[in-house]
Amino acid sequence: MQIKRLAFMSVLSLVLALPPLAAQAAGSTLEVVKKRGFLQCGVSQGLPGFSNPDDKGNWTGIDVDLCKAVAAAVFGDAKKVKFTPLSAKERFTAIQSGEVDIIARNTTWSMHRDTALGVDFRAVNYYDGQGFMVRSDLGVTSTTELDGATLCTNQGTTTELNAADYFRAQNMQYEIVAFEKADEAVAAYNSGRCDAYTTDHSALYAQRLKLTDPKAHIVLPEIISKEPLGPAVRQGDNNWGDIVAWVHYATVAAEELGVTSKNIAAMGNSQNPSVRRLLGKDGTFGDNLGIPDDWALQAVKQVGNYGEIFERNVGINTPLGIKRGLNALWTDGGLQYAPPIR
């Protein structure tokens, strides 16, 4: 009996080590995407600047542009992507089950998520941190004055845990009112059900635009957490993770090298080795990913470099008016940094 039990446990261990059945049956994500003819991208249910549809169903935002850039790299066509709006609660199930090929949904990269949920984070396309928004007439100018406050937020996010850590450390009392959908949380705050609304700092600026009187609300200055936001893919498919990560890095590298969507044709004549490798003029880096050698050229040409993507969606000349800050290039004191393509 002991021998049979050991044999059974060995087989069980092998079964548990296998990737999800859906992934096994479907083959690699790249093969599935190519066969389907378009990329399926999971995004938020509507967050201006990150992923937001207009009244005609056209999606825009930093996360949307990341998915478009991946489509451009794989197909040579940034339009070959469809968007699936997901709640915070639904997003990981959607990527695990194969409903989407990538989630680009202002999602925080944390250890638990990266190791326990069957997903892999490979890049950070926006460095953020959790903040708080209150009504101006509340007279609050700092989060340290929120003792006893009621907080509206999104269910199934790191926001609730961060708030618990912060208020405990400050020896303050609070009450959380969590909602599955972001718009529900915003509506509850807008109606006066909560004293404050808490989420990623960038999202506060985005959600403030949806309030009845945006100018009557202020975003408090403190940042209480690290929120590295980035795309996630299913675990067990390293090649697909490489593609998603390197498409992001290619947009950052393009900005570093001065390559834009507008000058990319002229830059194709550059003798700079780094530019030539980026644009697929030298080397066979596309072969290593299983996609065409002009993958980065197509991504930047059709969608833009990282600076263009940032400024178009959330920059100081947009309604959100966000400065580059931590998302500036490393050469400008920020954290955006691309490993070399070589």
C-alpha atoms as a PDB file:
ATOM      1  CA  MET A   1       0.000   0.000   0.000  1.00  0.00           C
ATOM      2  CA  GLN A   2       2.831   2.399   0.836  1.00  0.00           C
ATOM      3  CA  ILE A   3       4.419   1.808  -2.616  1.00  0.00           C
ATOM      4  CA  LYS A   4       1.089   2.461  -4.355  1.00  0.00           C
ATOM      5  CA  ARG A   5       0.614   5.636  -2.324  1.00  0.00           C
ATOM      6  CA  LEU A   6       4.073   6.910  -3.263  1.00  0.00           C
ATOM      7  CA  ALA A   7       3.404   6.148  -6.925  1.00  0.00           C
ATOM      8  CA  PHE A   8       0.081   7.987  -6.733  1.00  0.00           C
ATOM      9  CA  MET A   9       1.686  11.009  -5.086  1.00  0.00           C
ATOM     10  CA  SER A  10       4.379  11.110  -7.802  1.00  0.00           C
ATOM     11  CA  VAL A  11       1.743  11.153 -10.535  1.00  0.00           C
ATOM     12  CA  LEU A  12      -0.244  13.792  -8.651  1.00  0.00           C
ATOM     13  CA  SER A  13       2.848  15.985  -8.380  1.00  0.00           C
ATOM     14  CA  LEU A  14       3.393  15.759 -12.126  1.00  0.00           C
ATOM     15  CA  VAL A  15      -0.244  16.665 -12.823  1.00  0.00           C
ATOM     16  CA  LEU A  16      -0.118  19.674 -10.527  1.00  0.00           C
ATOM     17  CA  ALA A  17       3.066  20.862 -12.223  1.00  0.00           C
ATOM     18  CA  LEU A  18       1.401  20.948 -15.635  1.00  0.00           C
ATOM     19  CA  PRO A  19       0.004  24.216 -17.006  1.00  0.00           C
ATOM     20  CA  PRO A  20      -3.785  24.749 -17.028  1.00  0.00           C
ATOM     21  CA  LEU A  21      -5.645  22.340 -19.324  1.00  0.00           C
ATOM     22  CA  ALA A  22      -6.968  25.188 -21.462  1.00  0.00           C
ATOM     23  CA  ALA A  23      -3.444  26.404 -22.103  1.00  0.00           C
ATOM     24  CA  GLN A  24      -2.203  22.886 -22.922  1.00  0.00           C
ATOM     25  CA  ALA A  25      -5.004  22.291 -25.402  1.00  0.00           C
ATOM     26  CA  ALA A  26      -4.665  25.670 -27.056  1.00  0.00           C
ATOM     27  CA  GLY A  27      -0.902  25.691 -27.586  1.00  0.00           C
ATOM     28  CA  SER A  28       1.287  28.742 -27.120  1.00  0.00           C
ATOM     29  CA  THR A  29      -0.403  32.107 -26.744  1.00  0.00           C
ATOM     30  CA  LEU A  30       1.387  33.443 -29.813  1.00  0.00           C
ATOM     31  CA  GLU A  31       0.063  30.535 -31.905  1.00  0.00           C
ATOM     32  CA  VAL A  32      -3.459  31.086 -30.585  1.00  0.00           C
ATOM     33  CA  VAL A  33      -3.328  34.833 -31.246  1.00  0.00           C
ATOM     34  CA  LYS A  34      -1.987  34.366 -34.788  1.00  0.00           C
ATOM     35  CA  LYS A  35      -4.599  31.732 -35.611  1.00  0.00           C
ATOM     36  CA  ARG A  36      -7.388  33.910 -34.223  1.00  0.00           C
ATOM     37  CA  GLY A  37      -6.162  36.908 -36.181  1.00  0.00           C
ATOM     38  CA  PHE A  38      -6.309  39.458 -33.380  1.00  0.00           C
ATOM     39  CA  LEU A  39      -5.153  40.101 -29.824  1.00  0.00           C
ATOM     40  CA  GLN A  40      -7.672  39.873 -26.975  1.00  0.00           C
ATOM     41  CA  CYS A  41      -6.796  42.476 -24.350  1.00  0.00           C
ATOM     42  CA  GLY A  42      -8.387  42.791 -20.908  1.00  0.00           C
ATOM     43  CA  VAL A  43      -8.769  46.412 -19.788  1.00  0.00           C
ATOM     44  CA  SER A  44     -10.574  48.439 -17.122  1.00  0.00           C
ATOM     45  CA  GLN A  45     -14.266  49.214 -17.349  1.00  0.00           C
ATOM     46  CA  GLY A  46     -13.501  52.835 -18.072  1.00  0.00           C
ATOM     47  CA  LEU A  47     -10.592  54.787 -16.599  1.00  0.00           C
ATOM     48  CA  PRO A  48      -9.708  57.960 -18.535  1.00  0.00           C
ATOM     49  CA  GLY A  49      -6.067  58.067 -19.561  1.00  0.00           C
ATOM     50  CA  PHE A  50      -5.545  54.317 -19.096  1.00  0.00           C
ATOM     51  CA  SER A  51      -8.359  52.445 -20.827  1.00  0.00           C
ATOM     52  CA  ASN A  52     -11.572  54.248 -21.644  1.00  0.00           C
ATOM     53  CA  PRO A  53     -14.132  53.849 -24.474  1.00  0.00           C
ATOM     54  CA  ASP A  54     -15.814  56.756 -26.229  1.00  0.00           C
ATOM     55  CA  ASP A  55     -19.494  56.766 -27.214  1.00  0.00           C
ATOM     56  CA  LYS A  56     -18.614  54.837 -30.382  1.00  0.00           C
ATOM     57  CA  GLY A  57     -16.737  52.119 -28.533  1.00  0.00           C
ATOM     58  CA  ASN A  58     -13.258  53.304 -29.497  1.00  0.00           C
ATOM     59  CA  TRP A  59     -10.771  52.660 -26.694  1.00  0.00           C
ATOM     60  CA  THR A  60      -7.928  55.006 -25.729  1.00  0.00           C
ATOM     61  CA  GLY A  61      -5.354  55.146 -22.934  1.00  0.00           C
ATOM     62  CA  ILE A  62      -1.867  54.080 -21.898  1.00  0.00           C
ATOM     63  CA  ASP A  63      -2.921  50.468 -21.346  1.00  0.00           C
ATOM     64  CA  VAL A  64      -4.874  50.433 -24.601  1.00  0.00           C
ATOM     65  CA  ASP A  65      -1.797  51.702 -26.450  1.00  0.00           C
ATOM     66  CA  LEU A  66       0.324  48.933 -24.949  1.00  0.00           C
ATOM     67  CA  CYS A  67      -2.046  46.342 -26.396  1.00  0.00           C
ATOM     68  CA  LYS A  68      -2.119  48.151 -29.738  1.00  0.00           C
ATOM     69  CA  ALA A  69       1.688  48.155 -29.776  1.00  0.00           C
ATOM     70  CA  VAL A  70       1.729  44.374 -29.138  1.00  0.00           C
ATOM     71  CA  ALA A  71      -0.734  43.889 -32.009  1.00  0.00           C
ATOM     72  CA  ALA A  72       1.458  46.039 -34.255  1.00  0.00           C
ATOM     73  CA  ALA A  73       4.517  43.975 -33.317  1.00  0.00           C
ATOM     74  CA  VAL A  74       2.806  40.625 -33.935  1.00  0.00           C
ATOM     75  CA  PHE A  75       0.619  41.440 -36.958  1.00  0.00           C
ATOM     76  CA  GLY A  76       2.103  44.660 -38.311  1.00  0.00           C
ATOM     77  CA  ASP A  77      -1.333  46.174 -37.620  1.00  0.00           C
ATOM     78  CA  ALA A  78      -2.183  47.983 -34.365  1.00  0.00           C
ATOM     79  CA  LYS A  79      -5.894  47.676 -35.149  1.00  0.00           C
ATOM     80  CA  LYS A  80      -5.880  43.897 -34.775  1.00  0.00           C
ATOM     81  CA  VAL A  81      -6.888  43.972 -31.121  1.00  0.00           C
ATOM     82  CA  LYS A  82     -10.194  43.673 -29.295  1.00  0.00           C
ATOM     83  CA  PHE A  83     -10.802  44.941 -25.776  1.00  0.00           C
ATOM     84  CA  THR A  84     -12.637  43.181 -22.966  1.00  0.00           C
ATOM     85  CA  PRO A  85     -13.619  45.429 -20.028  1.00  0.00           C
ATOM     86  CA  LEU A  86     -12.988  43.644 -16.726  1.00  0.00           C
ATOM     87  CA  SER A  87     -13.686  44.496 -13.111  1.00  0.00           C
ATOM     88  CA  ALA A  88     -10.840  44.234 -10.610  1.00  0.00           C
ATOM     89  CA  LYS A  89     -12.455  41.049  -9.325  1.00  0.00           C
ATOM     90  CA  GLU A  90     -12.713  39.456 -12.790  1.00  0.00           C
ATOM     91  CA  ARG A  91      -9.332  40.340 -14.291  1.00  0.00           C
ATOM     92  CA  PHE A  92      -7.170  37.475 -13.012  1.00  0.00           C
ATOM     93  CA  THR A  93      -9.780  34.824 -13.743  1.00  0.00           C
ATOM     94  CA  ALA A  94     -10.026  36.172 -17.299  1.00  0.00           C
ATOM     95  CA  ILE A  95      -6.287  35.768 -17.953  1.00  0.00           C
ATOM     96  CA  GLN A  96      -6.087  32.392 -16.178  1.00  0.00           C
ATOM     97  CA  SER A  97      -8.966  30.941 -18.206  1.00  0.00           C
ATOM     98  CA  GLY A  98      -7.675  32.180 -21.563  1.00  0.00           C
ATOM     99  CA  GLU A  99     -10.551  34.622 -22.082  1.00  0.00           C
ATOM    100  CA  VAL A 100      -7.912  37.290 -22.726  1.00  0.00           C
ATOM    101  CA  ASP A 101      -4.274  37.058 -23.860  1.00  0.00           C
ATOM    102  CA  ILE A 102      -3.057  39.926 -21.700  1.00  0.00           C
ATOM    103  CA  ILE A 103      -4.460  42.135 -18.988  1.00  0.00           C
ATOM    104  CA  ALA A 104      -3.391  45.751 -19.271  1.00  0.00           C
ATOM    105  CA  ARG A 105      -5.642  47.183 -16.629  1.00  0.00           C
ATOM    106  CA  ASN A 106      -3.761  49.566 -14.309  1.00  0.00           C
ATOM    107  CA  THR A 107      -2.884  46.473 -12.273  1.00  0.00           C
ATOM    108  CA  THR A 108      -0.314  46.499  -9.471  1.00  0.00           C
ATOM    109  CA  TRP A 109       2.584  44.035  -9.659  1.00  0.00           C
ATOM    110  CA  SER A 110       2.829  42.397  -6.223  1.00  0.00           C
ATOM    111  CA  MET A 111       4.564  39.255  -4.995  1.00  0.00           C
ATOM    112  CA  HIS A 112       1.321  37.419  -4.203  1.00  0.00           C
ATOM    113  CA  ARG A 113      -0.141  38.118  -7.614  1.00  0.00           C
ATOM    114  CA  ASP A 114       3.077  37.185  -9.407  1.00  0.00           C
ATOM    115  CA  THR A 115       3.493  33.886  -7.575  1.00  0.00           C
ATOM    116  CA  ALA A 116       0.082  32.610  -6.507  1.00  0.00           C
ATOM    117  CA  LEU A 117      -2.457  33.591  -9.172  1.00  0.00           C
ATOM    118  CA  GLY A 118      -1.078  31.868 -12.258  1.00  0.00           C
ATOM    119  CA  VAL A 119      -0.005  35.123 -13.902  1.00  0.00           C
ATOM    120  CA  ASP A 120       3.335  36.749 -14.707  1.00  0.00           C
ATOM    121  CA  PHE A 121       4.171  40.448 -14.614  1.00  0.00           C
ATOM    122  CA  ARG A 122       7.040  41.339 -16.928  1.00  0.00           C
ATOM    123  CA  ALA A 123       7.181  45.152 -17.140  1.00  0.00           C
ATOM    124  CA  VAL A 124       5.949  48.368 -15.518  1.00  0.00           C
ATOM    125  CA  ASN A 125       4.302  50.829 -17.881  1.00  0.00           C
ATOM    126  CA  TYR A 126       3.272  53.258 -15.121  1.00  0.00           C
ATOM    127  CA  TYR A 127       4.840  53.804 -11.687  1.00  0.00           C
ATOM    128  CA  ASP A 128       2.129  54.899  -9.299  1.00  0.00           C
ATOM    129  CA  GLY A 129       1.138  54.998  -5.640  1.00  0.00           C
ATOM    130  CA  GLN A 130      -2.092  55.029  -3.652  1.00  0.00           C
ATOM    131  CA  GLY A 131      -3.634  58.354  -2.699  1.00  0.00           C
ATOM    132  CA  PHE A 132      -6.836  59.917  -1.390  1.00  0.00           C
ATOM    133  CA  MET A 133      -9.368  62.401  -2.730  1.00  0.00           C
ATOM    134  CA  VAL A 134     -11.699  64.482  -0.548  1.00  0.00           C
ATOM    135  CA  ARG A 135     -14.143  67.342  -0.939  1.00  0.00           C
ATOM    136  CA  SER A 136     -12.513  70.726  -0.615  1.00  0.00           C
ATOM    137  CA  ASP A 137     -15.113  71.882   1.905  1.00  0.00           C
ATOM    138  CA  LEU A 138     -14.166  69.021   4.241  1.00  0.00           C
ATOM    139  CA  GLY A 139     -11.183  71.164   5.263  1.00  0.00           C
ATOM    140  CA  VAL A 140      -8.736  68.250   5.107  1.00  0.00           C
ATOM    141  CA  THR A 141      -5.286  68.925   3.646  1.00  0.00           C
ATOM    142  CA  SER A 142      -3.441  65.744   4.676  1.00  0.00           C
ATOM    143  CA  THR A 143      -4.192  62.048   5.018  1.00  0.00           C
ATOM    144  CA  THR A 144      -3.135  62.323   8.668  1.00  0.00           C
ATOM    145  CA  GLU A 145      -6.425  64.168   9.249  1.00  0.00           C
ATOM    146  CA  LEU A 146      -8.596  61.256   8.063  1.00  0.00           C
ATOM    147  CA  ASP A 147      -9.014  59.596  11.475  1.00  0.00           C
ATOM    148  CA  GLY A 148     -12.495  58.062  11.597  1.00  0.00           C
ATOM    149  CA  ALA A 149     -13.117  58.568   7.864  1.00  0.00           C
ATOM    150  CA  THR A 150     -15.258  56.387   5.656  1.00  0.00           C
ATOM    151  CA  LEU A 151     -13.394  55.379   2.481  1.00  0.00           C
ATOM    152  CA  CYS A 152     -14.912  54.379  -0.856  1.00  0.00           C
ATOM    153  CA  THR A 153     -12.737  52.077  -2.966  1.00  0.00           C
ATOM    154  CA  ASN A 154     -12.707  49.156  -5.416  1.00  0.00           C
ATOM    155  CA  GLN A 155     -13.173  45.568  -4.259  1.00  0.00           C
ATOM    156  CA  GLY A 156     -10.490  42.988  -4.972  1.00  0.00           C
ATOM    157  CA  THR A 157      -7.568  45.416  -5.185  1.00  0.00           C
ATOM    158  CA  THR A 158      -4.438  46.116  -3.155  1.00  0.00           C
ATOM    159  CA  THR A 159      -6.103  49.382  -2.120  1.00  0.00           C
ATOM    160  CA  GLU A 160      -7.944  47.834   0.818  1.00  0.00           C
ATOM    161  CA  LEU A 161      -4.771  46.204   2.191  1.00  0.00           C
ATOM    162  CA  ASN A 162      -2.720  49.395   1.780  1.00  0.00           C
ATOM    163  CA  ALA A 163      -5.360  51.419   3.597  1.00  0.00           C
ATOM    164  CA  ALA A 164      -5.395  48.903   6.445  1.00  0.00           C
ATOM    165  CA  ASP A 165      -1.595  49.076   6.770  1.00  0.00           C
ATOM    166  CA  TYR A 166      -1.517  52.867   6.643  1.00  0.00           C
ATOM    167  CA  PHE A 167      -4.305  53.544   9.150  1.00  0.00           C
ATOM    168  CA  ARG A 168      -2.945  50.918  11.540  1.00  0.00           C
ATOM    169  CA  ALA A 169       0.530  52.475  11.380  1.00  0.00           C
ATOM    170  CA  GLN A 170      -0.955  55.916  12.004  1.00  0.00           C
ATOM    171  CA  ASN A 171      -3.120  54.572  14.861  1.00  0.00           C
ATOM    172  CA  MET A 172      -6.225  55.931  13.142  1.00  0.00           C
ATOM    173  CA  GLN A 173      -9.715  54.496  12.737  1.00  0.00           C
ATOM    174  CA  TYR A 174     -11.466  54.120   9.371  1.00  0.00           C
ATOM    175  CA  GLU A 175     -14.231  52.266   7.577  1.00  0.00           C
ATOM    176  CA  ILE A 176     -14.006  50.787   4.081  1.00  0.00           C
ATOM    177  CA  VAL A 177     -16.970  50.713   1.701  1.00  0.00           C
ATOM    178  CA  ALA A 178     -15.873  48.562  -1.265  1.00  0.00           C
ATOM    179  CA  PHE A 179     -17.579  48.135  -4.618  1.00  0.00           C
ATOM    180  CA  GLU A 180     -16.941  45.627  -7.416  1.00  0.00           C
ATOM    181  CA  LYS A 181     -17.079  48.279 -10.150  1.00  0.00           C
ATOM    182  CA  ALA A 182     -14.986  51.437 -10.082  1.00  0.00           C
ATOM    183  CA  ASP A 183     -17.889  53.562 -11.323  1.00  0.00           C
ATOM    184  CA  GLU A 184     -19.969  52.333  -8.377  1.00  0.00           C
ATOM    185  CA  ALA A 185     -17.281  53.465  -5.932  1.00  0.00           C
ATOM    186  CA  VAL A 186     -16.995  56.849  -7.634  1.00  0.00           C
ATOM    187  CA  ALA A 187     -20.781  57.306  -7.648  1.00  0.00           C
ATOM    188  CA  ALA A 188     -20.986  56.464  -3.949  1.00  0.00           C
ATOM    189  CA  TYR A 189     -18.262  58.995  -3.140  1.00  0.00           C
ATOM    190  CA  ASN A 190     -19.894  61.578  -5.401  1.00  0.00           C
ATOM    191  CA  SER A 191     -23.207  61.143  -3.569  1.00  0.00           C
ATOM    192  CA  GLY A 192     -21.568  61.812  -0.209  1.00  0.00           C
ATOM    193  CA  ARG A 193     -21.679  58.253   1.104  1.00  0.00           C
ATOM    194  CA  CYS A 194     -17.946  58.375   1.900  1.00  0.00           C
ATOM    195  CA  ASP A 195     -15.592  61.033   3.259  1.00  0.00           C
ATOM    196  CA  ALA A 196     -12.824  60.081   0.857  1.00  0.00           C
ATOM    197  CA  TYR A 197     -12.160  58.047  -2.254  1.00  0.00           C
ATOM    198  CA  THR A 198      -8.921  56.070  -2.356  1.00  0.00           C
ATOM    199  CA  THR A 199      -7.191  54.350  -5.263  1.00  0.00           C
ATOM    200  CA  ASP A 200      -4.047  54.792  -7.379  1.00  0.00           C
ATOM    201  CA  HIS A 201      -2.959  58.438  -7.475  1.00  0.00           C
ATOM    202  CA  SER A 202      -3.256  58.633 -11.251  1.00  0.00           C
ATOM    203  CA  ALA A 203      -6.740  57.096 -11.148  1.00  0.00           C
ATOM    204  CA  LEU A 204      -7.889  59.774  -8.705  1.00  0.00           C
ATOM    205  CA  TYR A 205      -7.208  62.427 -11.337  1.00  0.00           C
ATOM    206  CA  ALA A 206      -9.008  60.314 -13.929  1.00  0.00           C
ATOM    207  CA  GLN A 207     -12.049  59.561 -11.775  1.00  0.00           C
ATOM    208  CA  ARG A 208     -12.327  63.176 -10.613  1.00  0.00           C
ATOM    209  CA  LEU A 209     -13.345  64.055 -14.184  1.00  0.00           C
ATOM    210  CA  LYS A 210     -16.506  61.945 -13.673  1.00  0.00           C
ATOM    211  CA  LEU A 211     -17.700  63.857 -10.593  1.00  0.00           C
ATOM    212  CA  THR A 212     -20.573  66.337 -10.703  1.00  0.00           C
ATOM    213  CA  ASP A 213     -18.225  69.213  -9.841  1.00  0.00           C
ATOM    214  CA  PRO A 214     -14.596  68.091 -10.289  1.00  0.00           C
ATOM    215  CA  LYS A 215     -13.216  71.397  -9.020  1.00  0.00           C
ATOM    216  CA  ALA A 216     -14.896  70.835  -5.652  1.00  0.00           C
ATOM    217  CA  HIS A 217     -12.544  67.941  -4.879  1.00  0.00           C
ATOM    218  CA  ILE A 218      -8.831  67.805  -4.136  1.00  0.00           C
ATOM    219  CA  VAL A 219      -6.276  65.006  -4.324  1.00  0.00           C
ATOM    220  CA  LEU A 220      -4.274  64.930  -1.106  1.00  0.00           C
ATOM    221  CA  PRO A 221      -0.491  65.110  -1.561  1.00  0.00           C
ATOM    222  CA  GLU A 222       0.595  61.967   0.307  1.00  0.00           C
ATOM    223  CA  ILE A 223       1.382  58.690  -1.463  1.00  0.00           C
ATOM    224  CA  ILE A 224       0.992  55.733   0.920  1.00  0.00           C
ATOM    225  CA  SER A 225       2.205  52.832  -1.212  1.00  0.00           C
ATOM    226  CA  LYS A 226       4.206  51.644  -4.202  1.00  0.00           C
ATOM    227  CA  GLU A 227       1.969  50.698  -7.109  1.00  0.00           C
ATOM    228  CA  PRO A 228       4.013  49.501 -10.099  1.00  0.00           C
ATOM    229  CA  LEU A 229       1.322  49.087 -12.757  1.00  0.00           C
ATOM    230  CA  GLY A 230       1.917  46.801 -15.696  1.00  0.00           C
ATOM    231  CA  PRO A 231       0.633  44.123 -18.052  1.00  0.00           C
ATOM    232  CA  ALA A 232       0.197  40.531 -16.906  1.00  0.00           C
ATOM    233  CA  VAL A 233       0.157  37.285 -18.912  1.00  0.00           C
ATOM    234  CA  ARG A 234      -0.481  33.649 -18.023  1.00  0.00           C
ATOM    235  CA  GLN A 235       2.315  31.773 -16.311  1.00  0.00           C
ATOM    236  CA  GLY A 236       4.010  29.040 -18.287  1.00  0.00           C
ATOM    237  CA  ASP A 237       4.390  30.827 -21.614  1.00  0.00           C
ATOM    238  CA  ASN A 238       7.742  32.598 -21.444  1.00  0.00           C
ATOM    239  CA  ASN A 239       7.800  33.498 -25.127  1.00  0.00           C
ATOM    240  CA  TRP A 240       4.536  35.425 -24.918  1.00  0.00           C
ATOM    241  CA  GLY A 241       5.723  37.160 -21.757  1.00  0.00           C
ATOM    242  CA  ASP A 242       8.920  38.136 -23.595  1.00  0.00           C
ATOM    243  CA  ILE A 243       6.926  39.654 -26.459  1.00  0.00           C
ATOM    244  CA  VAL A 244       4.747  41.779 -24.175  1.00  0.00           C
ATOM    245  CA  ALA A 245       7.702  42.944 -22.067  1.00  0.00           C
ATOM    246  CA  TRP A 246       9.957  43.780 -24.996  1.00  0.00           C
ATOM    247  CA  VAL A 247       7.252  45.706 -26.832  1.00  0.00           C
ATOM    248  CA  HIS A 248       7.023  47.994 -23.800  1.00  0.00           C
ATOM    249  CA  TYR A 249      10.808  48.237 -23.561  1.00  0.00           C
ATOM    250  CA  ALA A 250      10.989  49.037 -27.279  1.00  0.00           C
ATOM    251  CA  THR A 251       8.758  52.095 -26.786  1.00  0.00           C
ATOM    252  CA  VAL A 252      10.994  53.242 -23.919  1.00  0.00           C
ATOM    253  CA  ALA A 253      14.170  52.583 -25.923  1.00  0.00           C
ATOM    254  CA  ALA A 254      12.717  54.550 -28.824  1.00  0.00           C
ATOM    255  CA  GLU A 255      12.213  57.577 -26.593  1.00  0.00           C
ATOM    256  CA  GLU A 256      15.747  57.198 -25.225  1.00  0.00           C
ATOM    257  CA  LEU A 257      17.117  57.153 -28.780  1.00  0.00           C
ATOM    258  CA  GLY A 258      14.964  60.007 -30.067  1.00  0.00           C
ATOM    259  CA  VAL A 259      12.896  57.778 -32.353  1.00  0.00           C
ATOM    260  CA  THR A 260       9.267  58.909 -32.678  1.00  0.00           C
ATOM    261  CA  SER A 261       6.261  57.903 -34.734  1.00  0.00           C
ATOM    262  CA  LYS A 262       6.857  61.011 -36.847  1.00  0.00           C
ATOM    263  CA  ASN A 263      10.590  60.660 -37.612  1.00  0.00           C
ATOM    264  CA  ILE A 264      10.849  56.869 -37.707  1.00  0.00           C
ATOM    265  CA  ALA A 265      11.100  56.709 -41.504  1.00  0.00           C
ATOM    266  CA  ALA A 266      14.106  59.041 -41.504  1.00  0.00           C
ATOM    267  CA  MET A 267      15.639  57.263 -38.492  1.00  0.00           C
ATOM    268  CA  GLY A 268      15.693  54.107 -40.581  1.00  0.00           C
ATOM    269  CA  ASN A 269      18.758  55.576 -42.277  1.00  0.00           C
ATOM    270  CA  SER A 270      20.571  56.103 -38.984  1.00  0.00           C
ATOM    271  CA  GLN A 271      24.024  54.600 -38.556  1.00  0.00           C
ATOM    272  CA  ASN A 272      23.576  54.414 -34.770  1.00  0.00           C
ATOM    273  CA  PRO A 273      23.875  50.667 -33.983  1.00  0.00           C
ATOM    274  CA  SER A 274      21.267  50.883 -31.204  1.00  0.00           C
ATOM    275  CA  VAL A 275      18.749  52.544 -33.513  1.00  0.00           C
ATOM    276  CA  ARG A 276      19.423  50.011 -36.271  1.00  0.00           C
ATOM    277  CA  ARG A 277      18.867  47.072 -33.905  1.00  0.00           C
ATOM    278  CA  LEU A 278      15.675  48.658 -32.545  1.00  0.00           C
ATOM    279  CA  LEU A 279      14.250  49.137 -36.023  1.00  0.00           C
ATOM    280  CA  GLY A 280      15.212  45.655 -37.245  1.00  0.00           C
ATOM    281  CA  LYS A 281      17.879  46.896 -39.659  1.00  0.00           C
ATOM    282  CA  ASP A 282      20.607  44.829 -37.970  1.00  0.00           C
ATOM    283  CA  GLY A 283      20.233  41.518 -36.169  1.00  0.00           C
ATOM    284  CA  THR A 284      17.392  39.004 -36.054  1.00  0.00           C
ATOM    285  CA  PHE A 285      15.750  39.870 -32.745  1.00  0.00           C
ATOM    286  CA  GLY A 286      12.274  39.243 -34.109  1.00  0.00           C
ATOM    287  CA  ASP A 287      13.231  35.639 -34.844  1.00  0.00           C
ATOM    288  CA  ASN A 288      14.055  35.175 -31.184  1.00  0.00           C
ATOM    289  CA  LEU A 289      10.481  36.195 -30.323  1.00  0.00           C
ATOM    290  CA  GLY A 290       8.772  34.405 -33.182  1.00  0.00           C
ATOM    291  CA  ILE A 291       7.589  37.642 -34.811  1.00  0.00           C
ATOM    292  CA  PRO A 292       8.875  39.798 -37.732  1.00  0.00           C
ATOM    293  CA  ASP A 293      12.198  41.602 -37.325  1.00  0.00           C
ATOM    294  CA  ASP A 294      10.475  44.976 -37.761  1.00  0.00           C
ATOM    295  CA  TRP A 295       8.308  44.338 -34.667  1.00  0.00           C
ATOM    296  CA  ALA A 296       9.602  47.373 -32.762  1.00  0.00           C
ATOM    297  CA  LEU A 297       9.497  49.590 -35.837  1.00  0.00           C
ATOM    298  CA  GLN A 298       5.820  48.772 -36.339  1.00  0.00           C
ATOM    299  CA  ALA A 299       4.977  49.314 -32.668  1.00  0.00           C
ATOM    300  CA  VAL A 300       6.610  52.757 -32.548  1.00  0.00           C
ATOM    301  CA  LYS A 301       5.469  53.803 -36.024  1.00  0.00           C
ATOM    302  CA  GLN A 302       1.826  52.944 -35.394  1.00  0.00           C
ATOM    303  CA  VAL A 303       1.487  53.738 -31.680  1.00  0.00           C
ATOM    304  CA  GLY A 304       4.454  55.927 -30.670  1.00  0.00           C
ATOM    305  CA  ASN A 305       7.349  55.867 -28.252  1.00  0.00           C
ATOM    306  CA  TYR A 306       6.727  55.857 -24.500  1.00  0.00           C
ATOM    307  CA  GLY A 307       6.880  59.642 -24.217  1.00  0.00           C
ATOM    308  CA  GLU A 308       4.327  60.063 -27.002  1.00  0.00           C
ATOM    309  CA  ILE A 309       2.024  57.496 -25.401  1.00  0.00           C
ATOM    310  CA  PHE A 310       2.290  59.145 -21.971  1.00  0.00           C
ATOM    311  CA  GLU A 311       1.735  62.713 -23.153  1.00  0.00           C
ATOM    312  CA  ARG A 312      -1.141  61.787 -25.473  1.00  0.00           C
ATOM    313  CA  ASN A 313      -3.098  60.007 -22.749  1.00  0.00           C
ATOM    314  CA  VAL A 314      -2.287  61.465 -19.328  1.00  0.00           C
ATOM    315  CA  GLY A 315       0.274  64.252 -19.854  1.00  0.00           C
ATOM    316  CA  ILE A 316       0.120  67.876 -18.770  1.00  0.00           C
ATOM    317  CA  ASN A 317      -1.790  68.927 -21.897  1.00  0.00           C
ATOM    318  CA  THR A 318      -4.584  66.405 -21.286  1.00  0.00           C
ATOM    319  CA  PRO A 319      -7.544  66.800 -18.896  1.00  0.00           C
ATOM    320  CA  LEU A 320      -5.621  64.692 -16.341  1.00  0.00           C
ATOM    321  CA  GLY A 321      -2.603  67.013 -16.454  1.00  0.00           C
ATOM    322  CA  ILE A 322      -0.114  64.535 -14.948  1.00  0.00           C
ATOM    323  CA  LYS A 323       3.608  65.337 -14.957  1.00  0.00           C
ATOM    324  CA  ARG A 324       6.068  62.620 -15.947  1.00  0.00           C
ATOM    325  CA  GLY A 325       7.508  62.339 -12.414  1.00  0.00           C
ATOM    326  CA  LEU A 326       8.618  58.771 -11.722  1.00  0.00           C
ATOM    327  CA  ASN A 327       7.622  57.879 -15.265  1.00  0.00           C
ATOM    328  CA  ALA A 328      10.260  60.085 -16.807  1.00  0.00           C
ATOM    329  CA  LEU A 329      13.216  58.387 -18.460  1.00  0.00           C
ATOM    330  CA  TRP A 330      16.062  57.366 -16.163  1.00  0.00           C
ATOM    331  CA  THR A 331      18.185  60.034 -17.871  1.00  0.00           C
ATOM    332  CA  ASP A 332      15.699  62.633 -16.590  1.00  0.00           C
ATOM    333  CA  GLY A 333      15.549  61.325 -13.024  1.00  0.00           C
ATOM    334  CA  GLY A 334      12.667  58.894 -13.574  1.00  0.00           C
ATOM    335  CA  LEU A 335      12.341  55.103 -13.409  1.00  0.00           C
ATOM    336  CA  GLN A 336      11.550  54.236 -17.015  1.00  0.00           C
ATOM    337  CA  TYR A 337      14.545  52.320 -18.281  1.00  0.00           C
ATOM    338  CA  ALA A 338      14.883  49.869 -21.169  1.00  0.00           C
ATOM    339  CA  PRO A 339      17.352  46.962 -21.178  1.00  0.00           C
ATOM    340  CA  PRO A 340      19.499  47.010 -24.327  1.00  0.00           C
ATOM    341  CA  ILE A 341      18.335  45.355 -27.524  1.00  0.00           C
ATOM    342  CA  ARG A 342      21.480  43.569 -28.638  1.00  0.00           C
END
